[in-house]
Protein backbone atom coordinates (compact mmCIF):
# COMPACT_ATOMS: atom_id res chain seq x y z
CA MET A 1 3.38 7.83 -21.56
CA THR A 2 3.06 11.39 -22.74
CA SER A 3 0.26 13.62 -21.54
CA THR A 4 -2.92 13.29 -23.59
CA LYS A 5 -6.08 15.42 -23.73
CA PHE A 6 -9.32 13.57 -22.93
CA THR A 7 -12.98 14.33 -22.44
CA LEU A 8 -14.37 12.97 -19.16
CA SER A 9 -16.00 10.13 -21.11
CA GLN A 10 -12.66 9.26 -22.71
CA LEU A 11 -11.03 9.42 -19.28
CA GLN A 12 -13.52 6.79 -18.10
CA ASN A 13 -12.61 4.61 -21.09
CA GLU A 14 -8.92 4.86 -20.15
CA ALA A 15 -9.81 3.69 -16.65
CA LYS A 16 -11.65 0.68 -18.13
CA LYS A 17 -8.63 -0.20 -20.29
CA LEU A 18 -6.36 -0.14 -17.27
CA ALA A 19 -8.79 -2.30 -15.27
CA ARG A 20 -8.59 -5.00 -17.93
CA ARG A 21 -4.78 -5.08 -17.80
CA ILE A 22 -3.85 -5.00 -14.14
CA THR A 23 -3.42 -7.82 -11.67
CA PRO A 24 -2.99 -7.62 -7.90
CA PRO A 25 -1.12 -6.64 -5.97
CA VAL A 26 -0.87 -3.17 -7.43
CA CYS A 27 -1.09 0.40 -6.15
CA ILE A 28 -2.53 3.03 -8.45
CA ALA A 29 -1.75 6.54 -7.21
CA LEU A 30 -4.03 9.26 -8.60
CA TRP A 31 -2.48 12.74 -8.57
CA GLY A 32 -4.33 15.98 -9.35
CA ASP A 33 -6.09 18.99 -7.94
CA LEU A 34 -9.67 19.02 -6.72
CA GLY A 35 -11.96 18.42 -9.71
CA ALA A 36 -9.21 16.97 -11.88
CA GLY A 37 -11.07 13.65 -12.33
CA LYS A 38 -9.54 11.32 -9.73
CA THR A 39 -12.91 10.10 -8.48
CA THR A 40 -14.33 9.89 -12.00
CA PHE A 41 -11.36 7.71 -12.99
CA SER A 42 -11.66 5.61 -9.81
CA LYS A 43 -15.36 4.93 -10.24
CA ALA A 44 -14.97 3.88 -13.89
CA PHE A 45 -12.01 1.67 -12.98
CA ILE A 46 -13.87 -0.05 -10.12
CA ARG A 47 -17.07 -0.49 -12.16
CA ALA A 48 -15.02 -2.14 -14.90
CA LEU A 49 -13.51 -4.56 -12.38
CA LEU A 50 -16.97 -5.28 -10.98
CA ASP A 51 -18.24 -5.73 -14.57
CA ASP A 52 -21.19 -3.51 -13.65
CA THR A 53 -21.49 -0.08 -15.24
CA LYS A 54 -24.21 0.95 -12.79
CA ALA A 55 -22.58 -0.30 -9.57
CA ASP A 56 -22.84 2.03 -6.61
CA VAL A 57 -19.27 3.30 -6.09
CA PRO A 58 -19.44 6.11 -3.54
CA SER A 59 -16.49 8.35 -2.96
CA PRO A 60 -14.71 7.33 0.27
CA THR A 61 -14.17 10.96 1.23
CA PHE A 62 -15.62 10.45 4.73
CA THR A 63 -15.03 6.72 5.23
CA LEU A 64 -11.46 7.03 3.81
CA VAL A 65 -11.63 3.49 2.34
CA GLN A 66 -14.20 1.44 0.42
CA ILE A 67 -13.50 -2.24 -0.35
CA TYR A 68 -14.98 -4.12 -3.30
CA PRO A 69 -14.73 -7.86 -4.02
CA THR A 70 -14.03 -8.54 -7.70
CA ASP A 71 -13.01 -11.51 -9.84
CA LYS A 72 -9.41 -10.19 -9.69
CA GLY A 73 -9.47 -9.91 -5.89
CA GLU A 74 -10.23 -7.09 -3.51
CA VAL A 75 -10.15 -3.50 -4.69
CA TRP A 76 -9.39 -0.91 -2.03
CA HIS A 77 -10.47 2.62 -3.00
CA ALA A 78 -8.95 5.20 -0.65
CA ASP A 79 -9.54 8.94 -0.60
CA LEU A 80 -6.91 10.28 1.77
CA TYR A 81 -7.75 13.98 1.43
CA ARG A 82 -8.86 14.18 5.06
CA LEU A 83 -5.94 12.13 6.41
CA SER A 84 -3.96 14.15 8.92
CA ASP A 85 -1.07 11.73 9.51
CA PRO A 86 0.32 8.97 7.23
CA GLU A 87 0.38 6.63 10.25
CA GLU A 88 -3.44 6.58 10.19
CA THR A 89 -3.22 4.24 7.18
CA ILE A 90 -1.92 1.52 9.44
CA GLU A 91 -5.24 1.50 11.36
CA LEU A 92 -7.12 1.36 8.04
CA GLY A 93 -5.24 -1.78 6.99
CA LEU A 94 -4.02 -0.09 3.84
CA LEU A 95 -0.39 -1.17 4.25
CA GLU A 96 -1.49 -4.82 4.32
CA ALA A 97 -3.74 -4.23 1.33
CA PHE A 98 -0.74 -2.98 -0.70
CA GLN A 99 0.67 -6.51 -0.42
CA LYS A 100 -2.38 -8.38 -1.78
CA ALA A 101 -5.01 -6.12 -3.33
CA ILE A 102 -5.65 -3.63 -6.10
CA CYS A 103 -5.36 -0.28 -4.33
CA VAL A 104 -6.63 2.94 -5.91
CA ILE A 105 -5.38 5.90 -3.92
CA GLU A 106 -6.67 9.45 -4.29
CA TRP A 107 -4.41 12.06 -2.67
CA PRO A 108 -1.42 9.66 -2.41
CA ASP A 109 0.83 12.49 -1.18
CA ARG A 110 -0.91 12.07 2.21
CA LEU A 111 0.90 8.72 2.58
CA GLY A 112 4.33 10.31 2.72
CA ASN A 113 7.01 7.62 2.77
CA LEU A 114 4.37 4.89 3.23
CA LEU A 115 3.41 5.17 -0.46
CA PRO A 116 4.69 2.01 -2.19
CA GLN A 117 7.68 2.52 -4.47
CA GLN A 118 6.24 0.05 -6.97
CA ARG A 119 3.09 1.61 -8.31
CA ILE A 120 1.32 3.17 -11.24
CA ASP A 121 1.19 6.97 -11.04
CA ILE A 122 -1.66 8.67 -12.89
CA TYR A 123 -1.41 12.44 -13.19
CA LEU A 124 -4.65 14.27 -14.01
CA ASP A 125 -4.81 17.96 -14.87
CA ILE A 126 -7.75 20.20 -15.71
CA ILE A 127 -7.57 21.69 -19.21
CA ASP A 128 -11.06 23.16 -19.20
CA GLU A 129 -14.51 22.23 -17.90
CA ASP A 130 -14.87 19.29 -20.31
CA HIS A 131 -11.27 18.14 -20.81
CA ARG A 132 -8.49 16.66 -18.72
CA SER A 133 -4.94 15.68 -19.47
CA ILE A 134 -3.71 12.31 -18.26
CA ARG A 135 -0.20 10.97 -17.93
CA ILE A 136 0.45 7.43 -16.73
CA GLU A 137 3.85 6.40 -15.38
CA GLU A 138 4.92 3.05 -14.05
CA ASN A 139 7.26 2.82 -11.11
CA HIS A 140 8.15 -0.86 -11.19
CA GLU A 141 11.39 -2.71 -10.88
CA SER A 142 9.94 -5.86 -12.45
CA SER A 143 7.73 -6.46 -15.47
CA PRO A 144 5.37 -3.69 -16.56
CA ILE A 145 1.68 -3.84 -15.72
CA TYR A 146 0.31 -1.27 -18.11
């Protein structure tokens, strides 16, 4: 997919579209600088899976992982910004979650070589205060998800 310019509201709509199409297990890696929209995208995605636009979806900045039960299975939302060593993900249970759940990972670079090869990469860039660019790439050997 080529890079497209979106308002933050449109970015949330893209997250909802993706939520309708995916099935577990899947890893969604969100790439971008601070303020690029990773958490905005994650919250809209999770709320769509919960089928609740007002659901409380806190950022897991301090807890590292939040888990949500949905009709499609568990959703693991991880914010790895504060992770100091990729091995810490083993204690979190994230490696096991990659095998069965929908995993939304902010700051996936913190996983190093533990980041699954099969995943959806979403690149978010700040254009200006109200606009972001988004590029979605699949890294799958089998059938496409998105």
